[in-house]
C-alpha atoms as a PDB file:
ATOM      1  CA  MET A   1     -72.993  40.787 -80.870  1.00  0.00           C
ATOM      2  CA  ILE A   2     -71.525  37.447 -79.760  1.00  0.00           C
ATOM      3  CA  HIS A   3     -67.839  37.575 -78.837  1.00  0.00           C
ATOM      4  CA  LYS A   4     -65.634  35.358 -81.032  1.00  0.00           C
ATOM      5  CA  HIS A   5     -64.095  33.683 -77.968  1.00  0.00           C
ATOM      6  CA  HIS A   6     -67.589  32.689 -76.813  1.00  0.00           C
ATOM      7  CA  VAL A   7     -68.340  31.141 -80.218  1.00  0.00           C
ATOM      8  CA  LYS A   8     -65.061  29.207 -80.140  1.00  0.00           C
ATOM      9  CA  PHE A   9     -65.836  27.945 -76.630  1.00  0.00           C
ATOM     10  CA  CYS A  10     -69.338  26.803 -77.659  1.00  0.00           C
ATOM     11  CA  LYS A  11     -67.925  24.874 -80.623  1.00  0.00           C
ATOM     12  CA  MET A  12     -65.394  23.204 -78.364  1.00  0.00           C
ATOM     13  CA  ILE A  13     -68.120  22.131 -75.934  1.00  0.00           C
ATOM     14  CA  LYS A  14     -70.313  20.828 -78.785  1.00  0.00           C
ATOM     15  CA  ASN A  15     -67.469  18.730 -80.170  1.00  0.00           C
ATOM     16  CA  SER A  16     -66.921  17.100 -76.786  1.00  0.00           C
ATOM     17  CA  MET A  17     -70.587  16.211 -76.173  1.00  0.00           C
ATOM     18  CA  HIS A  18     -70.021  12.514 -76.938  1.00  0.00           C
ATOM     19  CA  GLY A  19     -68.933  12.103 -73.334  1.00  0.00           C
ATOM     20  CA  TYR A  20     -68.338   8.915 -71.389  1.00  0.00           C
ATOM     21  CA  PRO A  21     -67.067   6.316 -72.205  1.00  0.00           C
ATOM     22  CA  LEU A  22     -65.441   7.765 -75.333  1.00  0.00           C
ATOM     23  CA  ASN A  23     -64.121  10.652 -73.266  1.00  0.00           C
ATOM     24  CA  ARG A  24     -62.492   9.741 -69.983  1.00  0.00           C
ATOM     25  CA  MET A  25     -60.984  12.863 -68.438  1.00  0.00           C
ATOM     26  CA  ARG A  26     -58.937  10.813 -65.983  1.00  0.00           C
ATOM     27  CA  ARG A  27     -56.779   9.327 -68.748  1.00  0.00           C
ATOM     28  CA  ASN A  28     -54.498  12.363 -68.777  1.00  0.00           C
ATOM     29  CA  ARG A  29     -54.366  12.460 -64.979  1.00  0.00           C
ATOM     30  CA  GLN A  30     -53.293   8.896 -64.309  1.00  0.00           C
ATOM     31  CA  SER A  31     -49.508   9.479 -64.165  1.00  0.00           C
ATOM     32  CA  ASP A  32     -47.159  12.210 -63.030  1.00  0.00           C
ATOM     33  CA  TRP A  33     -45.609  12.426 -66.503  1.00  0.00           C
ATOM     34  CA  SER A  34     -49.003  12.723 -68.232  1.00  0.00           C
ATOM     35  CA  ARG A  35     -50.163  15.403 -65.802  1.00  0.00           C
ATOM     36  CA  ARG A  36     -46.993  17.350 -66.532  1.00  0.00           C
ATOM     37  CA  LEU A  37     -47.444  16.823 -70.258  1.00  0.00           C
ATOM     38  CA  VAL A  38     -50.861  18.534 -70.354  1.00  0.00           C
ATOM     39  CA  CYS A  39     -50.221  21.077 -67.596  1.00  0.00           C
ATOM     40  CA  GLU A  40     -51.654  24.450 -68.667  1.00  0.00           C
ATOM     41  CA  ASN A  41     -49.725  26.710 -66.288  1.00  0.00           C
ATOM     42  CA  ASN A  42     -46.304  26.616 -64.666  1.00  0.00           C
ATOM     43  CA  VAL A  43     -44.459  28.703 -62.110  1.00  0.00           C
ATOM     44  CA  LEU A  44     -40.941  29.592 -63.249  1.00  0.00           C
ATOM     45  CA  THR A  45     -38.153  31.423 -61.453  1.00  0.00           C
ATOM     46  CA  SER A  46     -38.619  34.215 -64.000  1.00  0.00           C
ATOM     47  CA  ASP A  47     -42.139  34.757 -62.608  1.00  0.00           C
ATOM     48  CA  LEU A  48     -40.943  35.579 -59.101  1.00  0.00           C
ATOM     49  CA  ILE A  49     -40.051  38.849 -57.362  1.00  0.00           C
ATOM     50  CA  LEU A  50     -38.735  38.880 -53.792  1.00  0.00           C
ATOM     51  CA  PRO A  51     -39.709  41.777 -51.480  1.00  0.00           C
ATOM     52  CA  VAL A  52     -36.795  42.671 -49.163  1.00  0.00           C
ATOM     53  CA  PHE A  53     -36.793  44.948 -46.098  1.00  0.00           C
ATOM     54  CA  VAL A  54     -33.690  47.052 -45.452  1.00  0.00           C
ATOM     55  CA  MET A  55     -32.748  48.888 -42.237  1.00  0.00           C
ATOM     56  CA  GLU A  56     -29.885  51.023 -40.968  1.00  0.00           C
ATOM     57  CA  GLY A  57     -26.873  49.483 -39.268  1.00  0.00           C
ATOM     58  CA  ASN A  58     -24.191  46.979 -40.111  1.00  0.00           C
ATOM     59  CA  ASN A  59     -24.082  43.191 -40.272  1.00  0.00           C
ATOM     60  CA  LYS A  60     -27.548  42.717 -38.800  1.00  0.00           C
ATOM     61  CA  ILE A  61     -30.488  40.467 -39.598  1.00  0.00           C
ATOM     62  CA  GLU A  62     -33.671  41.112 -37.636  1.00  0.00           C
ATOM     63  CA  PRO A  63     -36.576  38.618 -37.742  1.00  0.00           C
ATOM     64  CA  ILE A  64     -40.088  40.004 -38.283  1.00  0.00           C
ATOM     65  CA  ASN A  65     -42.404  38.314 -35.792  1.00  0.00           C
ATOM     66  CA  SER A  66     -45.565  38.788 -37.847  1.00  0.00           C
ATOM     67  CA  LEU A  67     -43.858  37.424 -40.989  1.00  0.00           C
ATOM     68  CA  PRO A  68     -42.232  34.111 -40.003  1.00  0.00           C
ATOM     69  CA  GLY A  69     -39.156  33.439 -42.104  1.00  0.00           C
ATOM     70  CA  VAL A  70     -38.880  37.051 -43.303  1.00  0.00           C
ATOM     71  CA  ASN A  71     -36.233  39.440 -41.966  1.00  0.00           C
ATOM     72  CA  ARG A  72     -35.070  43.023 -41.988  1.00  0.00           C
ATOM     73  CA  TYR A  73     -31.493  43.366 -43.260  1.00  0.00           C
ATOM     74  CA  THR A  74     -28.797  45.993 -43.095  1.00  0.00           C
ATOM     75  CA  ILE A  75     -27.415  47.016 -46.484  1.00  0.00           C
ATOM     76  CA  ASP A  76     -24.404  44.713 -46.337  1.00  0.00           C
ATOM     77  CA  ARG A  77     -26.655  41.718 -45.651  1.00  0.00           C
ATOM     78  CA  VAL A  78     -29.139  42.768 -48.364  1.00  0.00           C
ATOM     79  CA  ILE A  79     -26.267  42.352 -50.844  1.00  0.00           C
ATOM     80  CA  GLU A  80     -26.042  38.699 -49.811  1.00  0.00           C
ATOM     81  CA  VAL A  81     -29.789  38.263 -50.404  1.00  0.00           C
ATOM     82  CA  ALA A  82     -29.532  39.961 -53.808  1.00  0.00           C
ATOM     83  CA  LYS A  83     -26.685  37.636 -54.819  1.00  0.00           C
ATOM     84  CA  GLU A  84     -28.690  34.603 -53.722  1.00  0.00           C
ATOM     85  CA  CYS A  85     -31.627  35.831 -55.805  1.00  0.00           C
ATOM     86  CA  GLU A  86     -29.328  36.312 -58.786  1.00  0.00           C
ATOM     87  CA  ASP A  87     -27.893  32.807 -58.382  1.00  0.00           C
ATOM     88  CA  SER A  88     -31.428  31.372 -58.121  1.00  0.00           C
ATOM     89  CA  GLY A  89     -32.499  32.995 -61.378  1.00  0.00           C
ATOM     90  CA  LEU A  90     -34.915  35.569 -59.956  1.00  0.00           C
ATOM     91  CA  PRO A  91     -35.143  38.544 -62.324  1.00  0.00           C
ATOM     92  CA  LEU A  92     -36.062  41.234 -59.786  1.00  0.00           C
ATOM     93  CA  ILE A  93     -36.098  42.176 -56.120  1.00  0.00           C
ATOM     94  CA  ALA A  94     -38.276  44.867 -54.546  1.00  0.00           C
ATOM     95  CA  ILE A  95     -36.682  46.941 -51.777  1.00  0.00           C
ATOM     96  CA  PHE A  96     -38.697  48.454 -48.914  1.00  0.00           C
ATOM     97  CA  PRO A  97     -37.060  50.742 -46.319  1.00  0.00           C
ATOM     98  CA  VAL A  98     -37.425  50.695 -42.546  1.00  0.00           C
ATOM     99  CA  ILE A  99     -37.080  54.395 -41.697  1.00  0.00           C
ATOM    100  CA  ASP A 100     -35.993  55.523 -38.238  1.00  0.00           C
ATOM    101  CA  SER A 101     -38.805  57.281 -36.404  1.00  0.00           C
ATOM    102  CA  ASN A 102     -36.746  60.459 -35.908  1.00  0.00           C
ATOM    103  CA  LEU A 103     -36.577  60.875 -39.710  1.00  0.00           C
ATOM    104  CA  LYS A 104     -40.337  60.666 -40.236  1.00  0.00           C
ATOM    105  CA  THR A 105     -42.036  64.019 -40.779  1.00  0.00           C
ATOM    106  CA  ASP A 106     -45.399  65.379 -41.878  1.00  0.00           C
ATOM    107  CA  HIS A 107     -44.042  66.135 -45.380  1.00  0.00           C
ATOM    108  CA  ALA A 108     -41.753  63.104 -45.797  1.00  0.00           C
ATOM    109  CA  GLU A 109     -38.610  65.071 -46.646  1.00  0.00           C
ATOM    110  CA  GLU A 110     -36.480  61.963 -46.069  1.00  0.00           C
ATOM    111  CA  SER A 111     -38.126  60.303 -49.089  1.00  0.00           C
ATOM    112  CA  TYR A 112     -36.160  62.480 -51.523  1.00  0.00           C
ATOM    113  CA  ARG A 113     -32.900  63.019 -49.631  1.00  0.00           C
ATOM    114  CA  ALA A 114     -30.065  61.998 -51.968  1.00  0.00           C
ATOM    115  CA  ASP A 115     -28.321  59.586 -49.593  1.00  0.00           C
ATOM    116  CA  ASN A 116     -31.340  58.128 -47.843  1.00  0.00           C
ATOM    117  CA  LEU A 117     -31.524  54.451 -46.932  1.00  0.00           C
ATOM    118  CA  ILE A 118     -33.253  53.262 -50.092  1.00  0.00           C
ATOM    119  CA  CYS A 119     -30.859  55.100 -52.413  1.00  0.00           C
ATOM    120  CA  ARG A 120     -27.763  53.782 -50.649  1.00  0.00           C
ATOM    121  CA  THR A 121     -29.198  50.269 -50.817  1.00  0.00           C
ATOM    122  CA  VAL A 122     -29.962  50.478 -54.532  1.00  0.00           C
ATOM    123  CA  SER A 123     -26.500  51.893 -55.304  1.00  0.00           C
ATOM    124  CA  GLU A 124     -24.790  49.090 -53.402  1.00  0.00           C
ATOM    125  CA  ILE A 125     -26.837  46.386 -55.096  1.00  0.00           C
ATOM    126  CA  LYS A 126     -26.243  47.812 -58.579  1.00  0.00           C
ATOM    127  CA  ASN A 127     -22.499  48.071 -57.854  1.00  0.00           C
ATOM    128  CA  LYS A 128     -22.091  44.565 -56.470  1.00  0.00           C
ATOM    129  CA  VAL A 129     -24.742  42.364 -58.097  1.00  0.00           C
ATOM    130  CA  SER A 130     -24.591  42.508 -61.867  1.00  0.00           C
ATOM    131  CA  ASN A 131     -27.549  40.523 -63.151  1.00  0.00           C
ATOM    132  CA  ILE A 132     -30.638  41.350 -61.152  1.00  0.00           C
ATOM    133  CA  GLY A 133     -33.203  44.126 -61.445  1.00  0.00           C
ATOM    134  CA  VAL A 134     -34.134  46.387 -58.549  1.00  0.00           C
ATOM    135  CA  MET A 135     -37.587  47.838 -57.956  1.00  0.00           C
ATOM    136  CA  THR A 136     -38.372  50.606 -55.487  1.00  0.00           C
ATOM    137  CA  ASP A 137     -41.665  51.908 -54.150  1.00  0.00           C
ATOM    138  CA  VAL A 138     -42.740  55.468 -54.808  1.00  0.00           C
ATOM    139  CA  ALA A 139     -44.910  56.270 -51.801  1.00  0.00           C
ATOM    140  CA  LEU A 140     -44.598  58.307 -48.649  1.00  0.00           C
ATOM    141  CA  ASP A 141     -45.956  56.000 -45.937  1.00  0.00           C
ATOM    142  CA  PRO A 142     -42.530  54.792 -44.693  1.00  0.00           C
ATOM    143  CA  TYR A 143     -41.470  58.439 -44.325  1.00  0.00           C
ATOM    144  CA  THR A 144     -44.522  60.219 -42.885  1.00  0.00           C
ATOM    145  CA  SER A 145     -45.108  60.739 -39.188  1.00  0.00           C
ATOM    146  CA  HIS A 146     -48.804  59.937 -39.677  1.00  0.00           C
ATOM    147  CA  GLY A 147     -48.262  56.758 -41.720  1.00  0.00           C
ATOM    148  CA  HIS A 148     -50.213  57.839 -44.803  1.00  0.00           C
ATOM    149  CA  ASP A 149     -49.067  57.598 -48.425  1.00  0.00           C
ATOM    150  CA  GLY A 150     -49.568  61.325 -48.962  1.00  0.00           C
ATOM    151  CA  ILE A 151     -49.502  64.751 -47.369  1.00  0.00           C
ATOM    152  CA  LEU A 152     -52.234  65.546 -44.877  1.00  0.00           C
ATOM    153  CA  LYS A 153     -53.951  68.948 -45.042  1.00  0.00           C
ATOM    154  CA  ASN A 154     -56.823  69.486 -42.609  1.00  0.00           C
ATOM    155  CA  ASN A 155     -56.950  65.700 -42.118  1.00  0.00           C
ATOM    156  CA  VAL A 156     -57.413  65.120 -45.873  1.00  0.00           C
ATOM    157  CA  ILE A 157     -54.791  63.627 -48.207  1.00  0.00           C
ATOM    158  CA  ALA A 158     -53.751  66.409 -50.573  1.00  0.00           C
ATOM    159  CA  ASN A 159     -53.485  64.737 -53.976  1.00  0.00           C
ATOM    160  CA  ASP A 160     -51.570  67.309 -56.035  1.00  0.00           C
ATOM    161  CA  GLU A 161     -49.204  68.393 -53.253  1.00  0.00           C
ATOM    162  CA  THR A 162     -48.387  64.726 -52.659  1.00  0.00           C
ATOM    163  CA  ILE A 163     -47.553  64.213 -56.336  1.00  0.00           C
ATOM    164  CA  GLU A 164     -44.949  66.987 -56.203  1.00  0.00           C
ATOM    165  CA  ILE A 165     -43.104  65.057 -53.493  1.00  0.00           C
ATOM    166  CA  LEU A 166     -43.558  61.733 -55.286  1.00  0.00           C
ATOM    167  CA  ILE A 167     -41.853  63.237 -58.337  1.00  0.00           C
ATOM    168  CA  LYS A 168     -38.836  64.216 -56.239  1.00  0.00           C
ATOM    169  CA  GLN A 169     -38.755  60.756 -54.691  1.00  0.00           C
ATOM    170  CA  ALA A 170     -38.944  59.035 -58.092  1.00  0.00           C
ATOM    171  CA  ILE A 171     -36.134  61.129 -59.580  1.00  0.00           C
ATOM    172  CA  ASN A 172     -34.035  60.510 -56.493  1.00  0.00           C
ATOM    173  CA  GLN A 173     -34.474  56.754 -56.801  1.00  0.00           C
ATOM    174  CA  CYS A 174     -33.654  56.804 -60.517  1.00  0.00           C
ATOM    175  CA  GLU A 175     -30.463  58.720 -59.830  1.00  0.00           C
ATOM    176  CA  SER A 176     -29.448  55.968 -57.390  1.00  0.00           C
ATOM    177  CA  GLY A 177     -29.787  53.384 -60.176  1.00  0.00           C
ATOM    178  CA  THR A 178     -33.148  51.720 -59.605  1.00  0.00           C
ATOM    179  CA  ASP A 179     -34.494  49.851 -62.628  1.00  0.00           C
ATOM    180  CA  ILE A 180     -38.230  49.939 -61.931  1.00  0.00           C
ATOM    181  CA  ILE A 181     -40.118  52.518 -59.939  1.00  0.00           C
ATOM    182  CA  ALA A 182     -43.444  51.406 -58.523  1.00  0.00           C
ATOM    183  CA  PRO A 183     -45.879  54.164 -57.523  1.00  0.00           C
ATOM    184  CA  SER A 184     -47.994  52.554 -54.805  1.00  0.00           C
ATOM    185  CA  ASP A 185     -49.600  55.700 -53.383  1.00  0.00           C
ATOM    186  CA  MET A 186     -52.848  55.655 -55.427  1.00  0.00           C
ATOM    187  CA  MET A 187     -52.898  59.408 -56.012  1.00  0.00           C
ATOM    188  CA  ASP A 188     -54.820  60.476 -59.117  1.00  0.00           C
ATOM    189  CA  GLY A 189     -52.579  61.417 -62.036  1.00  0.00           C
ATOM    190  CA  ARG A 190     -49.298  60.529 -60.390  1.00  0.00           C
ATOM    191  CA  VAL A 191     -48.128  58.185 -63.168  1.00  0.00           C
ATOM    192  CA  LEU A 192     -48.470  60.920 -65.812  1.00  0.00           C
ATOM    193  CA  LYS A 193     -46.612  63.495 -63.726  1.00  0.00           C
ATOM    194  CA  ILE A 194     -43.849  61.052 -62.794  1.00  0.00           C
ATOM    195  CA  ARG A 195     -43.449  59.916 -66.400  1.00  0.00           C
ATOM    196  CA  GLU A 196     -43.189  63.528 -67.592  1.00  0.00           C
ATOM    197  CA  ALA A 197     -40.553  64.198 -64.929  1.00  0.00           C
ATOM    198  CA  LEU A 198     -38.565  61.105 -65.920  1.00  0.00           C
ATOM    199  CA  GLU A 199     -38.601  62.243 -69.559  1.00  0.00           C
ATOM    200  CA  SER A 200     -37.373  65.709 -68.666  1.00  0.00           C
ATOM    201  CA  HIS A 201     -34.562  64.313 -66.453  1.00  0.00           C
ATOM    202  CA  ASN A 202     -33.281  61.922 -69.156  1.00  0.00           C
ATOM    203  CA  PHE A 203     -34.706  58.836 -67.433  1.00  0.00           C
ATOM    204  CA  GLN A 204     -36.944  57.919 -70.341  1.00  0.00           C
ATOM    205  CA  ASP A 205     -35.859  54.266 -70.206  1.00  0.00           C
ATOM    206  CA  LYS A 206     -36.890  53.708 -66.597  1.00  0.00           C
ATOM    207  CA  ILE A 207     -39.756  51.256 -66.204  1.00  0.00           C
ATOM    208  CA  ILE A 208     -42.880  52.179 -64.252  1.00  0.00           C
ATOM    209  CA  MET A 209     -44.835  49.355 -62.631  1.00  0.00           C
ATOM    210  CA  SER A 210     -47.850  51.078 -61.151  1.00  0.00           C
ATOM    211  CA  TYR A 211     -49.852  49.725 -58.265  1.00  0.00           C
ATOM    212  CA  ALA A 212     -52.901  50.300 -60.446  1.00  0.00           C
ATOM    213  CA  ALA A 213     -55.466  48.392 -58.398  1.00  0.00           C
ATOM    214  CA  LYS A 214     -54.381  48.670 -54.793  1.00  0.00           C
ATOM    215  CA  TYR A 215     -57.239  47.943 -52.440  1.00  0.00           C
ATOM    216  CA  ALA A 216     -57.864  49.298 -48.934  1.00  0.00           C
ATOM    217  CA  SER A 217     -57.311  45.817 -47.573  1.00  0.00           C
ATOM    218  CA  ASN A 218     -56.970  44.265 -44.144  1.00  0.00           C
ATOM    219  CA  TYR A 219     -54.194  42.016 -45.457  1.00  0.00           C
ATOM    220  CA  TYR A 220     -51.428  44.633 -45.056  1.00  0.00           C
ATOM    221  CA  GLY A 221     -50.922  44.449 -41.284  1.00  0.00           C
ATOM    222  CA  PRO A 222     -47.656  42.453 -41.168  1.00  0.00           C
ATOM    223  CA  PHE A 223     -46.103  44.683 -43.850  1.00  0.00           C
ATOM    224  CA  ARG A 224     -46.764  47.793 -41.753  1.00  0.00           C
ATOM    225  CA  ASP A 225     -45.173  45.971 -38.843  1.00  0.00           C
ATOM    226  CA  ALA A 226     -42.182  45.092 -41.029  1.00  0.00           C
ATOM    227  CA  ILE A 227     -41.477  48.737 -41.973  1.00  0.00           C
ATOM    228  CA  LYS A 228     -42.463  49.889 -38.452  1.00  0.00           C
ATOM    229  CA  SER A 229     -45.246  52.195 -39.587  1.00  0.00           C
ATOM    230  CA  ASN A 230     -48.174  50.381 -37.955  1.00  0.00           C
ATOM    231  CA  LYS A 231     -48.096  52.583 -34.859  1.00  0.00           C
ATOM    232  CA  ASN A 232     -47.888  55.771 -36.940  1.00  0.00           C
ATOM    233  CA  LEU A 233     -51.016  55.337 -39.029  1.00  0.00           C
ATOM    234  CA  THR A 234     -53.886  57.608 -38.066  1.00  0.00           C
ATOM    235  CA  GLY A 235     -57.287  56.614 -39.439  1.00  0.00           C
ATOM    236  CA  ASP A 236     -57.433  54.501 -42.607  1.00  0.00           C
ATOM    237  CA  LYS A 237     -56.546  54.752 -46.306  1.00  0.00           C
ATOM    238  CA  LYS A 238     -59.996  54.330 -47.805  1.00  0.00           C
ATOM    239  CA  THR A 239     -60.102  57.774 -49.431  1.00  0.00           C
ATOM    240  CA  TYR A 240     -57.312  56.854 -51.854  1.00  0.00           C
ATOM    241  CA  GLN A 241     -56.956  53.065 -51.920  1.00  0.00           C
ATOM    242  CA  MET A 242     -59.697  51.144 -53.738  1.00  0.00           C
ATOM    243  CA  ASP A 243     -62.960  49.921 -52.234  1.00  0.00           C
ATOM    244  CA  VAL A 244     -62.776  46.138 -51.808  1.00  0.00           C
ATOM    245  CA  ALA A 245     -66.309  45.830 -53.236  1.00  0.00           C
ATOM    246  CA  ASN A 246     -65.383  47.234 -56.665  1.00  0.00           C
ATOM    247  CA  SER A 247     -64.018  45.496 -59.744  1.00  0.00           C
ATOM    248  CA  ASN A 248     -64.903  47.589 -62.823  1.00  0.00           C
ATOM    249  CA  GLU A 249     -63.151  50.509 -61.155  1.00  0.00           C
ATOM    250  CA  ALA A 250     -59.932  48.483 -61.194  1.00  0.00           C
ATOM    251  CA  LEU A 251     -60.055  48.336 -64.982  1.00  0.00           C
ATOM    252  CA  ARG A 252     -60.445  52.112 -65.154  1.00  0.00           C
ATOM    253  CA  GLU A 253     -57.502  52.593 -62.796  1.00  0.00           C
ATOM    254  CA  ALA A 254     -55.255  50.225 -64.756  1.00  0.00           C
ATOM    255  CA  GLU A 255     -56.257  51.666 -68.128  1.00  0.00           C
ATOM    256  CA  LEU A 256     -55.579  55.205 -66.906  1.00  0.00           C
ATOM    257  CA  ASP A 257     -52.142  54.266 -65.577  1.00  0.00           C
ATOM    258  CA  ILE A 258     -51.169  52.633 -68.874  1.00  0.00           C
ATOM    259  CA  SER A 259     -52.386  55.695 -70.801  1.00  0.00           C
ATOM    260  CA  GLU A 260     -50.303  57.913 -68.495  1.00  0.00           C
ATOM    261  CA  GLY A 261     -47.070  56.046 -69.198  1.00  0.00           C
ATOM    262  CA  ALA A 262     -46.969  52.959 -66.969  1.00  0.00           C
ATOM    263  CA  ASP A 263     -45.276  49.954 -68.587  1.00  0.00           C
ATOM    264  CA  MET A 264     -46.703  47.359 -66.203  1.00  0.00           C
ATOM    265  CA  VAL A 265     -49.528  47.235 -63.671  1.00  0.00           C
ATOM    266  CA  MET A 266     -49.989  45.490 -60.363  1.00  0.00           C
ATOM    267  CA  VAL A 267     -52.988  44.178 -58.452  1.00  0.00           C
ATOM    268  CA  LYS A 268     -52.694  44.159 -54.667  1.00  0.00           C
ATOM    269  CA  PRO A 269     -53.552  42.070 -52.647  1.00  0.00           C
ATOM    270  CA  GLY A 270     -53.274  38.912 -54.693  1.00  0.00           C
ATOM    271  CA  LEU A 271     -55.165  35.707 -53.920  1.00  0.00           C
ATOM    272  CA  PRO A 272     -58.452  37.331 -52.777  1.00  0.00           C
ATOM    273  CA  TYR A 273     -58.385  39.422 -55.974  1.00  0.00           C
ATOM    274  CA  LEU A 274     -57.820  36.794 -58.667  1.00  0.00           C
ATOM    275  CA  ASP A 275     -60.911  38.079 -60.477  1.00  0.00           C
ATOM    276  CA  ILE A 276     -59.276  41.505 -60.767  1.00  0.00           C
ATOM    277  CA  ILE A 277     -56.029  40.037 -62.101  1.00  0.00           C
ATOM    278  CA  HIS A 278     -58.014  38.096 -64.680  1.00  0.00           C
ATOM    279  CA  LYS A 279     -60.053  41.134 -65.766  1.00  0.00           C
ATOM    280  CA  VAL A 280     -57.035  43.398 -66.122  1.00  0.00           C
ATOM    281  CA  LYS A 281     -55.044  40.849 -68.120  1.00  0.00           C
ATOM    282  CA  THR A 282     -57.993  39.770 -70.284  1.00  0.00           C
ATOM    283  CA  TYR A 283     -59.297  43.205 -71.203  1.00  0.00           C
ATOM    284  CA  LEU A 284     -56.136  45.318 -71.277  1.00  0.00           C
ATOM    285  CA  LYS A 285     -53.586  42.674 -72.328  1.00  0.00           C
ATOM    286  CA  VAL A 286     -50.725  44.483 -70.599  1.00  0.00           C
ATOM    287  CA  PRO A 287     -47.964  43.069 -68.355  1.00  0.00           C
ATOM    288  CA  THR A 288     -49.884  42.318 -65.158  1.00  0.00           C
ATOM    289  CA  PHE A 289     -48.379  41.501 -61.768  1.00  0.00           C
ATOM    290  CA  ALA A 290     -49.787  40.341 -58.460  1.00  0.00           C
ATOM    291  CA  TYR A 291     -48.534  40.907 -54.927  1.00  0.00           C
ATOM    292  CA  GLN A 292     -49.025  38.017 -52.527  1.00  0.00           C
ATOM    293  CA  VAL A 293     -49.092  40.451 -49.635  1.00  0.00           C
ATOM    294  CA  SER A 294     -47.908  40.044 -46.069  1.00  0.00           C
ATOM    295  CA  GLY A 295     -51.250  38.979 -44.618  1.00  0.00           C
ATOM    296  CA  GLU A 296     -51.659  36.264 -47.243  1.00  0.00           C
ATOM    297  CA  TYR A 297     -48.164  34.908 -46.686  1.00  0.00           C
ATOM    298  CA  ALA A 298     -48.388  35.150 -42.874  1.00  0.00           C
ATOM    299  CA  SER A 299     -51.695  33.259 -42.860  1.00  0.00           C
ATOM    300  CA  LEU A 300     -50.234  30.408 -44.899  1.00  0.00           C
ATOM    301  CA  MET A 301     -47.106  30.328 -42.731  1.00  0.00           C
ATOM    302  CA  ALA A 302     -49.120  30.274 -39.508  1.00  0.00           C
ATOM    303  CA  ALA A 303     -51.242  27.375 -40.741  1.00  0.00           C
ATOM    304  CA  SER A 304     -48.198  25.430 -41.945  1.00  0.00           C
ATOM    305  CA  MET A 305     -46.304  26.034 -38.700  1.00  0.00           C
ATOM    306  CA  ASN A 306     -49.285  24.553 -36.834  1.00  0.00           C
ATOM    307  CA  GLY A 307     -49.204  21.499 -39.066  1.00  0.00           C
ATOM    308  CA  TRP A 308     -52.596  22.236 -40.641  1.00  0.00           C
ATOM    309  CA  ILE A 309     -51.295  22.548 -44.211  1.00  0.00           C
ATOM    310  CA  GLU A 310     -48.047  21.695 -45.986  1.00  0.00           C
ATOM    311  CA  TYR A 311     -46.009  24.831 -46.773  1.00  0.00           C
ATOM    312  CA  ASP A 312     -44.376  23.851 -50.070  1.00  0.00           C
ATOM    313  CA  ASP A 313     -47.585  22.502 -51.562  1.00  0.00           C
ATOM    314  CA  ILE A 314     -49.836  25.382 -50.522  1.00  0.00           C
ATOM    315  CA  ILE A 315     -47.385  28.024 -51.755  1.00  0.00           C
ATOM    316  CA  MET A 316     -47.085  26.345 -55.155  1.00  0.00           C
ATOM    317  CA  GLU A 317     -50.859  26.021 -55.398  1.00  0.00           C
ATOM    318  CA  THR A 318     -51.442  29.701 -54.658  1.00  0.00           C
ATOM    319  CA  LEU A 319     -48.776  30.825 -57.123  1.00  0.00           C
ATOM    320  CA  LEU A 320     -50.293  28.602 -59.812  1.00  0.00           C
ATOM    321  CA  CYS A 321     -53.630  30.289 -59.085  1.00  0.00           C
ATOM    322  CA  PHE A 322     -52.010  33.654 -59.870  1.00  0.00           C
ATOM    323  CA  LYS A 323     -50.633  32.312 -63.150  1.00  0.00           C
ATOM    324  CA  ARG A 324     -53.972  30.712 -64.071  1.00  0.00           C
ATOM    325  CA  ALA A 325     -55.719  34.032 -63.454  1.00  0.00           C
ATOM    326  CA  GLY A 326     -53.323  35.735 -65.883  1.00  0.00           C
ATOM    327  CA  ALA A 327     -50.506  37.175 -63.783  1.00  0.00           C
ATOM    328  CA  ASP A 328     -47.196  37.552 -65.622  1.00  0.00           C
ATOM    329  CA  GLY A 329     -45.274  37.691 -62.366  1.00  0.00           C
ATOM    330  CA  ILE A 330     -45.776  37.569 -58.605  1.00  0.00           C
ATOM    331  CA  LEU A 331     -44.231  39.409 -55.685  1.00  0.00           C
ATOM    332  CA  THR A 332     -44.018  36.856 -52.896  1.00  0.00           C
ATOM    333  CA  TYR A 333     -42.002  36.440 -49.701  1.00  0.00           C
ATOM    334  CA  ALA A 334     -41.651  32.791 -50.709  1.00  0.00           C
ATOM    335  CA  ALA A 335     -39.811  33.641 -53.945  1.00  0.00           C
ATOM    336  CA  LEU A 336     -36.460  32.126 -52.954  1.00  0.00           C
ATOM    337  CA  ASP A 337     -38.072  29.005 -51.478  1.00  0.00           C
ATOM    338  CA  VAL A 338     -40.070  28.467 -54.663  1.00  0.00           C
ATOM    339  CA  ALA A 339     -37.088  29.197 -56.927  1.00  0.00           C
ATOM    340  CA  LYS A 340     -35.134  26.419 -55.224  1.00  0.00           C
ATOM    341  CA  LYS A 341     -38.062  24.049 -55.649  1.00  0.00           C
ATOM    342  CA  VAL A 342     -38.825  24.694 -59.316  1.00  0.00           C
ATOM    343  CA  SER A 343     -35.179  24.722 -60.399  1.00  0.00           C
ATOM    344  CA  GLY A 344     -34.104  21.779 -58.275  1.00  0.00           C
END
């Protein structure tokens, strides 16, 4: 059976077969105004989400060497960043904690302590910045002594035992005021169990953006440096994060997460996985987000700092690629830079 979209496409091609010189494709490209007039995709401030790293202390900003232009902030300085995002029209920021090494344990107890770093940060933002959403990760890797997203038992990630801790972490974050929780752990069934727990704790309105297709990628190195977990990780994460060779599996993962109560899904990394973004959006037609991860951003920054490419242009091009593939929004460390450009 021929798909109706294929039939429509064939008719469109047939109708344009007259070709040159009746059809000159360059006509619409000849001026800036005409290019803008027929532009199919645009990047707006409402498409952008800024990841922010928070650390303990007071009145400190700490540069991250592997992520040029990106910093770790103490809570009081994160408030300034949140206000700048609000003023720039960004709808959402994503907070990631830098946990002191003495608080990291095998079972990640710090992840669900009521006054932990992430909860204090969320509470402060929600109290002092009125018109911006806050998203928090539900995963254990910042809190575990071994650097994995779950609990290790006999050197194997224990799926169901991990979920029990993720539930506590999710409830804890919701009690602090977070707007979106984002399970990024890739445990089987965690979205269903978290959603059931949110319902039973009267958090039925909390949004879940699941990291539905999170690949076991080599692009995450600078992020692990940013949260200071790179030296903790033992082994790799290939038993729970997705195989980089697979694409149909991503659809199954995303469809399962939606059926279990996720409101939005994410594909991570971003630019090398545009085909996955396109498949998820095309076939499932759900709110689909991409994460331009640390390794992607750091690579572009390194090239621009060496004068090999132009930063503003390459960032806009990559973000337009996300939109063209079908992404509804993008997490990017360049969010504030881009917001200033597109609204200026």
